[in-house]
Every structure is written in structure tokens, then in C-alpha cells.
Amino acid sequence: MDFDKEAAVWDADPRRVKLAHDVAGAIIREIGPAKDMDVLDFGCGTGLVTLRLQPLVRSITAVDNSRGMLAVLQDKVTKQGLADVHPKLVDFSRGGRVKGGFHLLVSSMTMHHVEDAAGLCRFWFDQLLPGGWLGFADLDTEDGSFHGDNTGVFHLGFARPAVQSLLNGAGFGEVRITTATAVRRTAEEGSQEYTVFLAVGRKPGKLP
């Protein structure tokens, strides 16, 4: 999938909007973002999760490796006058990094596009302050039919025990995994439902 080309029409798909809305709702329910939190949204896309969380926190740094997606988000930020949302181009696969020190890191439907899932979890761990929270959503294991075109897809979802191991291996504690939502798609072969989990973990320590 070419995210730069898809960016202009991304929000026109009601399934994508609902998915982001449900994931943000699960993050709010399971973690409880607060006004003293600085947040990193990794793989922010057009900011559907970002902007749902924005009123609840102090600031959000929204990173993605797609210039097209970030352009759409920047347009929203400009039009809405959101001084506390900071879009930033970061390509993790090419060594791109951000300055850490976040109270909360969120990510939605991004990990399956990253080849080094274990490395990504370690990167997420390093971005957080001691006591900081991670909340990331992705597909449960699927048969490869979710995307249709699996170009740029490195994982056909994840088994929840494997997610637990990834987070524990990166150093996270207090790990819990719940179902955030489900997505139904219809193709020539029929209709199929794909579940999406929310994994929560905490970096040991105490938030300042």
C-alpha cells in the first residue's frame, strides 16, 4: 500500500474512522490519558487517534514515515489551531528517532508494517519516562486477507501470547491485552471479521 497516495482519501473510509475511534476509546478506557501527559503517537497516519486523544492530554508528538499522511494531519492541526499537536516525519526502519521523555506512547495498526517488531518494542520502551504507559493496537493473527495487497506487510497479525512476550522482552511490566474492536470486510469470497487487540504495558518506575 502506498500511504502517500492513499492519504488524501484515507478518512473517507468509515471503517478506518470507526477503527481509530474504537482504538482511541480503548486507550482512554484502559489507560486514562490525563492533562499532565505528553504523548507520542507512533504511526499516526492522518491523526484519527491523535485528535481523539488531544483534548485529554498536554501535548502529542505525532510521527509517521508518510509525508502524505502527515500533510493531511498538518492541515487539520492548522485549521483547528492546535498548538499542542506536533506532526513529525520519522522513519523507524531507516534509523529515524525522536527525543524521548513521554508519559504515554500509543500506536494503532502500525506494528504489522514494521519488520523488526522486537526492536520496535525496545524503541517504544526507550521513548517513555519511568512509569510511562504504552498502548498499542494491532490485528490478531489473520490469514493474509485483511489487506488484500500485502506489500509492506511483515506480519499477518500477532498471537496474543507472542505480544506478551515481545513486551516483556522489551522490559514492560503490567502487561494486559484486551479486544479493542473488530473490523468486518467483504470480498468475493464472502464476509470476514478481523479482531483488533489493545496491548497495554508500563515501563518500571514512577512518573515524575
Protein backbone atom coordinates (compact mmCIF):
# COMPACT_ATOMS: atom_id res chain seq x y z
CA MET A 1 0.00 0.00 0.00
CA ASP A 2 1.25 3.47 -0.91
CA PHE A 3 0.26 5.54 2.11
CA ASP A 4 1.26 8.80 0.43
CA LYS A 5 -1.22 8.14 -2.39
CA GLU A 6 -3.93 6.92 -0.01
CA ALA A 7 -3.59 9.85 2.38
CA ALA A 8 -5.99 12.26 0.65
CA VAL A 9 -8.89 9.78 0.77
CA TRP A 10 -7.92 7.87 3.93
CA ASP A 11 -10.58 9.45 6.15
CA ALA A 12 -13.31 8.81 3.58
CA ASP A 13 -13.47 5.14 4.58
CA PRO A 14 -15.92 4.89 7.53
CA ARG A 15 -14.33 1.59 8.63
CA ARG A 16 -10.99 3.31 9.17
CA VAL A 17 -12.61 6.15 11.08
CA LYS A 18 -14.53 3.71 13.29
CA LEU A 19 -11.42 1.60 13.89
CA ALA A 20 -9.45 4.64 15.05
CA HIS A 21 -12.37 5.83 17.18
CA ASP A 22 -12.64 2.41 18.86
CA VAL A 23 -8.89 2.13 19.44
CA ALA A 24 -8.75 5.59 20.99
CA GLY A 25 -11.73 4.67 23.15
CA ALA A 26 -9.96 1.52 24.33
CA ILE A 27 -6.84 3.54 25.20
CA ILE A 28 -8.95 6.01 27.16
CA ARG A 29 -10.70 3.18 28.97
CA GLU A 30 -7.63 1.09 29.75
CA ILE A 31 -5.03 3.80 30.49
CA GLY A 32 -6.87 7.03 31.19
CA PRO A 33 -4.84 9.79 29.47
CA ALA A 34 -4.53 12.92 31.61
CA LYS A 35 -3.85 16.62 31.16
CA ASP A 36 -0.33 16.34 32.59
CA MET A 37 0.73 13.80 29.94
CA ASP A 38 2.98 14.31 26.92
CA VAL A 39 2.12 11.66 24.34
CA LEU A 40 3.87 10.07 21.36
CA ASP A 41 1.56 8.69 18.65
CA PHE A 42 3.74 6.34 16.60
CA GLY A 43 2.44 5.73 13.07
CA CYS A 44 -0.15 8.47 13.46
CA GLY A 45 -1.37 8.49 9.85
CA THR A 46 -3.91 11.27 9.31
CA GLY A 47 -4.27 11.75 13.05
CA LEU A 48 -7.57 9.98 13.68
CA VAL A 49 -6.36 8.62 17.03
CA THR A 50 -4.20 11.68 17.71
CA LEU A 51 -7.07 14.13 17.53
CA ARG A 52 -9.37 11.96 19.65
CA LEU A 53 -6.78 11.99 22.45
CA GLN A 54 -5.65 15.61 22.00
CA PRO A 55 -8.26 17.27 24.27
CA LEU A 56 -7.36 14.89 27.10
CA VAL A 57 -3.57 15.41 27.28
CA ARG A 58 -0.98 18.20 27.45
CA SER A 59 0.72 17.57 24.11
CA ILE A 60 1.02 14.98 21.36
CA THR A 61 4.00 14.39 19.11
CA ALA A 62 2.56 12.58 16.09
CA VAL A 63 5.12 10.69 13.99
CA ASP A 64 4.81 8.79 10.72
CA ASN A 65 7.03 7.85 7.78
CA SER A 66 4.46 9.02 5.20
CA ARG A 67 4.74 12.63 4.11
CA GLY A 68 1.27 12.42 2.59
CA MET A 69 -0.35 11.29 5.82
CA LEU A 70 1.47 13.96 7.81
CA ALA A 71 0.39 16.64 5.33
CA VAL A 72 -3.25 15.71 5.93
CA LEU A 73 -2.73 15.82 9.69
CA GLN A 74 -0.87 19.14 9.50
CA ASP A 75 -3.78 20.62 7.56
CA LYS A 76 -6.16 19.54 10.33
CA VAL A 77 -3.85 20.93 13.00
CA THR A 78 -3.56 24.27 11.20
CA LYS A 79 -7.28 24.62 10.55
CA GLN A 80 -8.18 23.73 14.14
CA GLY A 81 -5.40 25.87 15.65
CA LEU A 82 -3.95 23.03 17.72
CA ALA A 83 -0.70 24.29 19.18
CA ASP A 84 -0.27 21.14 21.27
CA VAL A 85 -0.09 18.66 18.35
CA HIS A 86 3.31 18.31 16.67
CA PRO A 87 3.47 16.22 13.44
CA LYS A 88 6.94 14.89 12.69
CA LEU A 89 8.41 12.78 9.87
CA VAL A 90 10.18 9.74 11.35
CA ASP A 91 11.17 6.55 9.51
CA PHE A 92 11.96 3.95 12.16
CA SER A 93 13.15 1.40 9.59
CA ARG A 94 15.85 3.81 8.45
CA GLY A 95 17.04 4.74 11.91
CA GLY A 96 14.70 7.68 12.44
CA ARG A 97 14.26 8.58 16.08
CA VAL A 98 12.55 11.15 18.28
CA LYS A 99 13.58 12.74 21.53
CA GLY A 100 12.07 10.67 24.33
CA GLY A 101 10.53 11.63 27.64
CA PHE A 102 6.88 10.73 27.09
CA HIS A 103 4.30 9.78 29.69
CA LEU A 104 2.28 7.76 27.17
CA LEU A 105 3.03 6.15 23.80
CA VAL A 106 0.20 5.00 21.57
CA SER A 107 0.18 3.25 18.22
CA SER A 108 -2.64 1.89 16.08
CA MET A 109 -2.31 -0.69 13.29
CA THR A 110 1.37 0.06 12.74
CA MET A 111 3.41 -2.84 14.12
CA HIS A 112 2.43 -5.28 11.35
CA HIS A 113 4.11 -2.89 8.88
CA VAL A 114 7.42 -2.99 10.83
CA GLU A 115 9.70 -5.95 10.17
CA ASP A 116 11.59 -5.77 13.47
CA ALA A 117 8.75 -5.98 15.97
CA ALA A 118 11.06 -6.73 18.89
CA GLY A 119 13.26 -3.76 18.02
CA LEU A 120 10.19 -1.56 17.78
CA CYS A 121 9.08 -2.57 21.28
CA ARG A 122 12.53 -1.71 22.64
CA PHE A 123 12.37 1.64 20.85
CA TRP A 124 8.96 2.32 22.38
CA PHE A 125 10.30 1.41 25.82
CA ASP A 126 13.18 3.88 25.43
CA GLN A 127 10.83 6.75 24.49
CA LEU A 128 8.93 6.53 27.77
CA LEU A 129 9.66 8.11 31.11
CA PRO A 130 9.94 5.69 34.05
CA GLY A 131 6.38 4.74 34.94
CA GLY A 132 5.16 5.66 31.45
CA TRP A 133 2.46 3.72 29.65
CA LEU A 134 2.30 2.01 26.26
CA GLY A 135 -0.98 1.31 24.49
CA PHE A 136 -0.80 -0.19 21.03
CA ALA A 137 -3.42 -1.82 18.85
CA ASP A 138 -2.98 -4.27 16.03
CA LEU A 139 -4.56 -7.25 14.35
CA ASP A 140 -4.94 -10.62 15.95
CA THR A 141 -3.43 -13.36 13.78
CA GLU A 142 -5.17 -13.40 10.38
CA ASP A 143 -4.94 -15.40 7.16
CA GLY A 144 -3.45 -12.66 4.98
CA SER A 145 -6.74 -11.48 3.56
CA PHE A 146 -7.11 -8.32 5.65
CA HIS A 147 -5.16 -6.04 3.31
CA GLY A 148 -5.70 -7.79 0.00
CA ASP A 149 -2.35 -6.43 -1.17
CA ASN A 150 0.22 -7.41 1.42
CA THR A 151 3.01 -5.24 0.05
CA GLY A 152 4.74 -3.69 3.05
CA VAL A 153 3.04 -6.09 5.47
CA PHE A 154 5.57 -8.06 7.51
CA HIS A 155 3.24 -9.77 9.98
CA LEU A 156 -0.20 -11.28 9.41
CA GLY A 157 -1.36 -10.05 12.77
CA PHE A 158 0.00 -11.30 16.07
CA ALA A 159 -0.85 -14.05 18.51
CA ARG A 160 -1.53 -12.51 21.92
CA PRO A 161 0.98 -14.70 23.80
CA ALA A 162 3.64 -13.52 21.33
CA VAL A 163 2.68 -9.89 22.03
CA GLN A 164 3.02 -10.55 25.76
CA SER A 165 6.50 -11.98 25.16
CA LEU A 166 7.54 -9.06 22.95
CA LEU A 167 6.55 -6.51 25.58
CA ASN A 168 8.05 -8.43 28.49
CA GLY A 169 11.25 -8.91 26.47
CA ALA A 170 11.49 -5.15 25.89
CA GLY A 171 11.17 -4.51 29.64
CA PHE A 172 7.49 -3.69 30.02
CA GLY A 173 5.55 -4.82 33.06
CA GLU A 174 1.86 -4.79 33.99
CA VAL A 175 1.08 -6.14 30.51
CA ARG A 176 -2.55 -6.80 29.67
CA ILE A 177 -4.19 -7.44 26.31
CA THR A 178 -7.86 -6.83 25.56
CA THR A 179 -10.03 -6.70 22.45
CA ALA A 180 -10.33 -3.12 21.20
CA THR A 181 -12.68 -3.66 18.28
CA ALA A 182 -13.40 -5.76 15.21
CA VAL A 183 -13.37 -4.91 11.51
CA ARG A 184 -15.65 -6.64 9.02
CA ARG A 185 -14.65 -6.77 5.38
CA THR A 186 -16.49 -8.20 2.40
CA ALA A 187 -14.78 -9.69 -0.64
CA GLU A 188 -15.71 -12.08 -3.43
CA GLU A 189 -15.10 -14.96 -1.05
CA GLY A 190 -17.60 -13.56 1.46
CA SER A 191 -17.59 -11.52 4.64
CA GLN A 192 -14.93 -11.91 7.30
CA GLU A 193 -14.37 -10.33 10.71
CA TYR A 194 -10.91 -9.40 11.98
CA THR A 195 -10.38 -8.65 15.66
CA VAL A 196 -8.03 -5.93 16.85
CA PHE A 197 -6.36 -6.11 20.25
CA LEU A 198 -5.09 -3.36 22.53
CA ALA A 199 -1.90 -4.24 24.37
CA VAL A 200 -1.02 -2.16 27.43
CA GLY A 201 2.29 -2.17 29.25
CA ARG A 202 4.14 0.02 31.69
CA LYS A 203 7.80 0.96 31.98
CA PRO A 204 9.01 0.22 35.52
CA GLY A 205 9.44 3.23 37.76
CA LYS A 206 7.39 6.19 38.86
CA LEU A 207 6.21 9.06 36.73
CA PRO A 208 7.53 12.45 37.85
